[in-house]
Amino acid sequence: MKEKIANLVNDSIQDLGVYVFDAYLDTEEGKTRMNIVLDSEEVIDLNRITDASRVINKILDQEEKLLENVDELDIFSREKGDCE
């Protein structure tokens, strides 16, 4: 999943200084959620996440098959200090 999402969006969000660190599906309370985790060399502020989310949403709207069984889309940044 990560490679599919990264290949679709990384070129479009690189000007914002962010990239897809991970992308995965999970289920909570019967709803399937697509999680997209962004990372950067620097701390990502809320404005950059918002800008990246707008770009990513436009791209994923065109990829209906990818999100056909997804109820929610959650785009967030990786916490600095995570060791992976």
N, C-alpha and C. Protein backbone atom coordinates (compact mmCIF):
# COMPACT_ATOMS: atom_id res chain seq x y z
N MET A 1 0.82 -1.20 0.00
CA MET A 1 0.00 0.00 0.00
C MET A 1 0.87 1.26 0.00
N LYS A 2 1.91 1.24 0.81
CA LYS A 2 2.78 2.41 0.91
C LYS A 2 3.34 2.80 -0.46
N GLU A 3 3.84 1.80 -1.20
CA GLU A 3 4.44 2.11 -2.50
C GLU A 3 3.43 2.71 -3.46
N LYS A 4 2.20 2.16 -3.47
CA LYS A 4 1.17 2.68 -4.37
C LYS A 4 0.89 4.16 -4.07
N ILE A 5 0.67 4.45 -2.80
CA ILE A 5 0.34 5.83 -2.41
C ILE A 5 1.53 6.75 -2.68
N ALA A 6 2.73 6.31 -2.28
CA ALA A 6 3.93 7.13 -2.48
C ALA A 6 4.15 7.42 -3.96
N ASN A 7 3.99 6.42 -4.81
CA ASN A 7 4.18 6.62 -6.25
C ASN A 7 3.16 7.61 -6.82
N LEU A 8 1.97 7.61 -6.27
CA LEU A 8 0.93 8.52 -6.76
C LEU A 8 1.15 9.96 -6.33
N VAL A 9 1.63 10.18 -5.09
CA VAL A 9 1.59 11.54 -4.54
C VAL A 9 2.94 12.20 -4.27
N ASN A 10 4.01 11.43 -4.11
CA ASN A 10 5.27 12.05 -3.68
C ASN A 10 5.76 13.16 -4.59
N ASP A 11 5.65 12.99 -5.90
CA ASP A 11 6.10 14.05 -6.82
C ASP A 11 5.31 15.34 -6.61
N SER A 12 4.04 15.20 -6.29
CA SER A 12 3.18 16.37 -6.14
C SER A 12 3.34 17.09 -4.80
N ILE A 13 3.84 16.38 -3.78
CA ILE A 13 3.98 17.02 -2.47
C ILE A 13 5.44 17.34 -2.12
N GLN A 14 6.37 17.01 -3.00
CA GLN A 14 7.78 17.25 -2.69
C GLN A 14 8.10 18.74 -2.54
N ASP A 15 7.38 19.61 -3.25
CA ASP A 15 7.60 21.05 -3.12
C ASP A 15 7.24 21.55 -1.72
N LEU A 16 6.41 20.79 -1.01
CA LEU A 16 6.05 21.14 0.37
C LEU A 16 7.09 20.62 1.37
N GLY A 17 8.06 19.86 0.86
CA GLY A 17 9.10 19.33 1.73
C GLY A 17 8.66 18.11 2.54
N VAL A 18 7.64 17.41 2.06
CA VAL A 18 7.15 16.22 2.75
C VAL A 18 7.11 15.04 1.79
N TYR A 19 7.03 13.85 2.36
CA TYR A 19 6.91 12.63 1.56
C TYR A 19 6.12 11.60 2.37
N VAL A 20 5.64 10.57 1.69
CA VAL A 20 4.88 9.51 2.35
C VAL A 20 5.86 8.59 3.07
N PHE A 21 5.74 8.54 4.38
CA PHE A 21 6.55 7.64 5.20
C PHE A 21 5.90 6.26 5.27
N ASP A 22 4.57 6.24 5.37
CA ASP A 22 3.84 4.98 5.45
C ASP A 22 2.40 5.22 5.01
N ALA A 23 1.75 4.16 4.58
CA ALA A 23 0.34 4.19 4.24
C ALA A 23 -0.21 2.79 4.53
N TYR A 24 -1.30 2.75 5.26
CA TYR A 24 -1.86 1.45 5.65
C TYR A 24 -3.34 1.59 5.95
N LEU A 25 -4.03 0.46 5.89
CA LEU A 25 -5.44 0.40 6.22
C LEU A 25 -5.59 -0.18 7.62
N ASP A 26 -6.58 0.32 8.35
CA ASP A 26 -6.97 -0.32 9.61
C ASP A 26 -8.48 -0.20 9.75
N THR A 27 -9.01 -0.97 10.68
CA THR A 27 -10.45 -0.96 10.90
C THR A 27 -10.71 -0.66 12.36
N GLU A 28 -11.63 0.28 12.58
CA GLU A 28 -12.01 0.64 13.94
C GLU A 28 -13.51 0.90 13.96
N GLU A 29 -14.19 0.27 14.90
CA GLU A 29 -15.64 0.42 15.04
C GLU A 29 -16.35 0.13 13.72
N GLY A 30 -15.86 -0.87 13.00
CA GLY A 30 -16.50 -1.29 11.76
C GLY A 30 -16.22 -0.41 10.56
N LYS A 31 -15.39 0.62 10.71
CA LYS A 31 -15.05 1.51 9.60
C LYS A 31 -13.62 1.26 9.16
N THR A 32 -13.44 1.20 7.85
CA THR A 32 -12.10 1.04 7.30
C THR A 32 -11.50 2.41 7.07
N ARG A 33 -10.28 2.58 7.56
CA ARG A 33 -9.60 3.87 7.46
C ARG A 33 -8.27 3.70 6.72
N MET A 34 -8.04 4.60 5.77
CA MET A 34 -6.75 4.69 5.09
C MET A 34 -5.93 5.72 5.85
N ASN A 35 -4.78 5.31 6.36
CA ASN A 35 -3.88 6.19 7.09
C ASN A 35 -2.68 6.50 6.21
N ILE A 36 -2.39 7.78 6.03
CA ILE A 36 -1.22 8.19 5.28
C ILE A 36 -0.35 9.02 6.23
N VAL A 37 0.86 8.52 6.47
CA VAL A 37 1.78 9.16 7.41
C VAL A 37 2.83 9.92 6.60
N LEU A 38 2.92 11.22 6.83
CA LEU A 38 3.89 12.06 6.14
C LEU A 38 5.11 12.28 7.01
N ASP A 39 6.25 12.48 6.37
CA ASP A 39 7.48 12.79 7.10
C ASP A 39 8.25 13.85 6.32
N SER A 40 9.25 14.42 6.99
CA SER A 40 10.06 15.48 6.42
C SER A 40 11.38 15.51 7.17
N GLU A 41 12.34 16.21 6.62
CA GLU A 41 13.61 16.40 7.31
C GLU A 41 13.46 17.36 8.48
N GLU A 42 12.39 18.12 8.48
CA GLU A 42 12.13 19.09 9.54
C GLU A 42 10.76 18.85 10.14
N VAL A 43 10.42 19.55 11.19
CA VAL A 43 9.11 19.42 11.81
C VAL A 43 8.05 19.91 10.82
N ILE A 44 6.98 19.15 10.70
CA ILE A 44 5.89 19.50 9.79
C ILE A 44 4.81 20.23 10.57
N ASP A 45 4.56 21.48 10.21
CA ASP A 45 3.53 22.23 10.92
C ASP A 45 2.15 21.93 10.31
N LEU A 46 1.14 22.37 11.01
CA LEU A 46 -0.24 22.09 10.61
C LEU A 46 -0.57 22.64 9.23
N ASN A 47 -0.03 23.79 8.88
CA ASN A 47 -0.30 24.37 7.56
C ASN A 47 0.22 23.48 6.44
N ARG A 48 1.39 22.88 6.64
CA ARG A 48 1.94 22.00 5.60
C ARG A 48 1.14 20.71 5.49
N ILE A 49 0.68 20.19 6.61
CA ILE A 49 -0.17 18.99 6.56
C ILE A 49 -1.46 19.31 5.81
N THR A 50 -2.03 20.46 6.10
CA THR A 50 -3.26 20.87 5.42
C THR A 50 -3.03 21.01 3.92
N ASP A 51 -1.94 21.67 3.53
CA ASP A 51 -1.63 21.83 2.11
C ASP A 51 -1.39 20.48 1.44
N ALA A 52 -0.63 19.61 2.09
CA ALA A 52 -0.36 18.28 1.54
C ALA A 52 -1.66 17.47 1.45
N SER A 53 -2.52 17.59 2.43
CA SER A 53 -3.80 16.87 2.42
C SER A 53 -4.66 17.27 1.24
N ARG A 54 -4.68 18.54 0.92
CA ARG A 54 -5.45 19.02 -0.24
C ARG A 54 -4.93 18.39 -1.53
N VAL A 55 -3.62 18.36 -1.68
CA VAL A 55 -3.01 17.77 -2.87
C VAL A 55 -3.31 16.28 -2.94
N ILE A 56 -3.10 15.59 -1.83
CA ILE A 56 -3.31 14.14 -1.78
C ILE A 56 -4.77 13.80 -2.05
N ASN A 57 -5.69 14.54 -1.45
CA ASN A 57 -7.12 14.28 -1.67
C ASN A 57 -7.49 14.39 -3.15
N LYS A 58 -6.99 15.42 -3.83
CA LYS A 58 -7.29 15.58 -5.26
C LYS A 58 -6.78 14.39 -6.06
N ILE A 59 -5.59 13.93 -5.74
CA ILE A 59 -5.02 12.79 -6.47
C ILE A 59 -5.81 11.52 -6.19
N LEU A 60 -6.12 11.27 -4.92
CA LEU A 60 -6.83 10.04 -4.56
C LEU A 60 -8.27 10.05 -5.05
N ASP A 61 -8.86 11.22 -5.21
CA ASP A 61 -10.21 11.30 -5.78
C ASP A 61 -10.24 10.73 -7.19
N GLN A 62 -9.14 10.82 -7.90
CA GLN A 62 -9.06 10.29 -9.26
C GLN A 62 -8.77 8.79 -9.28
N GLU A 63 -8.37 8.24 -8.14
CA GLU A 63 -8.05 6.81 -8.02
C GLU A 63 -9.14 6.10 -7.23
N GLU A 64 -10.34 6.08 -7.79
CA GLU A 64 -11.51 5.55 -7.10
C GLU A 64 -11.32 4.11 -6.64
N LYS A 65 -10.69 3.28 -7.44
CA LYS A 65 -10.49 1.87 -7.08
C LYS A 65 -9.70 1.72 -5.78
N LEU A 66 -8.73 2.59 -5.58
CA LEU A 66 -7.87 2.50 -4.41
C LEU A 66 -8.62 2.74 -3.12
N LEU A 67 -9.65 3.56 -3.17
CA LEU A 67 -10.40 3.93 -1.97
C LEU A 67 -11.83 3.39 -1.95
N GLU A 68 -12.15 2.43 -2.82
CA GLU A 68 -13.54 2.00 -2.93
C GLU A 68 -14.10 1.38 -1.66
N ASN A 69 -13.29 0.74 -0.83
CA ASN A 69 -13.78 0.13 0.41
C ASN A 69 -13.33 0.91 1.65
N VAL A 70 -12.92 2.14 1.45
CA VAL A 70 -12.41 2.96 2.55
C VAL A 70 -13.49 3.95 2.99
N ASP A 71 -13.73 4.00 4.31
CA ASP A 71 -14.73 4.90 4.86
C ASP A 71 -14.14 6.25 5.25
N GLU A 72 -12.89 6.25 5.71
CA GLU A 72 -12.25 7.49 6.17
C GLU A 72 -10.82 7.55 5.65
N LEU A 73 -10.36 8.77 5.43
CA LEU A 73 -8.97 9.02 5.06
C LEU A 73 -8.34 9.90 6.13
N ASP A 74 -7.24 9.44 6.70
CA ASP A 74 -6.56 10.18 7.76
C ASP A 74 -5.13 10.45 7.31
N ILE A 75 -4.78 11.72 7.20
CA ILE A 75 -3.43 12.13 6.77
C ILE A 75 -2.81 12.88 7.94
N PHE A 76 -1.65 12.40 8.39
CA PHE A 76 -1.00 13.01 9.54
C PHE A 76 0.51 12.89 9.41
N SER A 77 1.23 13.59 10.28
CA SER A 77 2.69 13.56 10.22
C SER A 77 3.25 12.58 11.23
N ARG A 78 4.39 12.07 10.91
CA ARG A 78 5.13 11.19 11.80
C ARG A 78 5.71 12.04 12.93
N GLU A 79 5.64 11.52 14.13
CA GLU A 79 6.20 12.26 15.27
C GLU A 79 7.72 12.24 15.21
N LYS A 80 8.32 13.37 15.39
CA LYS A 80 9.79 13.44 15.43
C LYS A 80 10.25 12.70 16.67
N GLY A 81 11.34 11.99 16.52
CA GLY A 81 11.86 11.20 17.64
C GLY A 81 11.50 9.73 17.52
N ASP A 82 10.54 9.39 16.61
CA ASP A 82 10.23 7.99 16.38
C ASP A 82 11.45 7.31 15.79
N CYS A 83 11.79 6.17 16.26
CA CYS A 83 12.96 5.44 15.76
C CYS A 83 12.51 4.31 14.87
N GLU A 84 12.55 4.53 13.58
CA GLU A 84 12.26 3.48 12.60
C GLU A 84 13.00 3.78 11.34
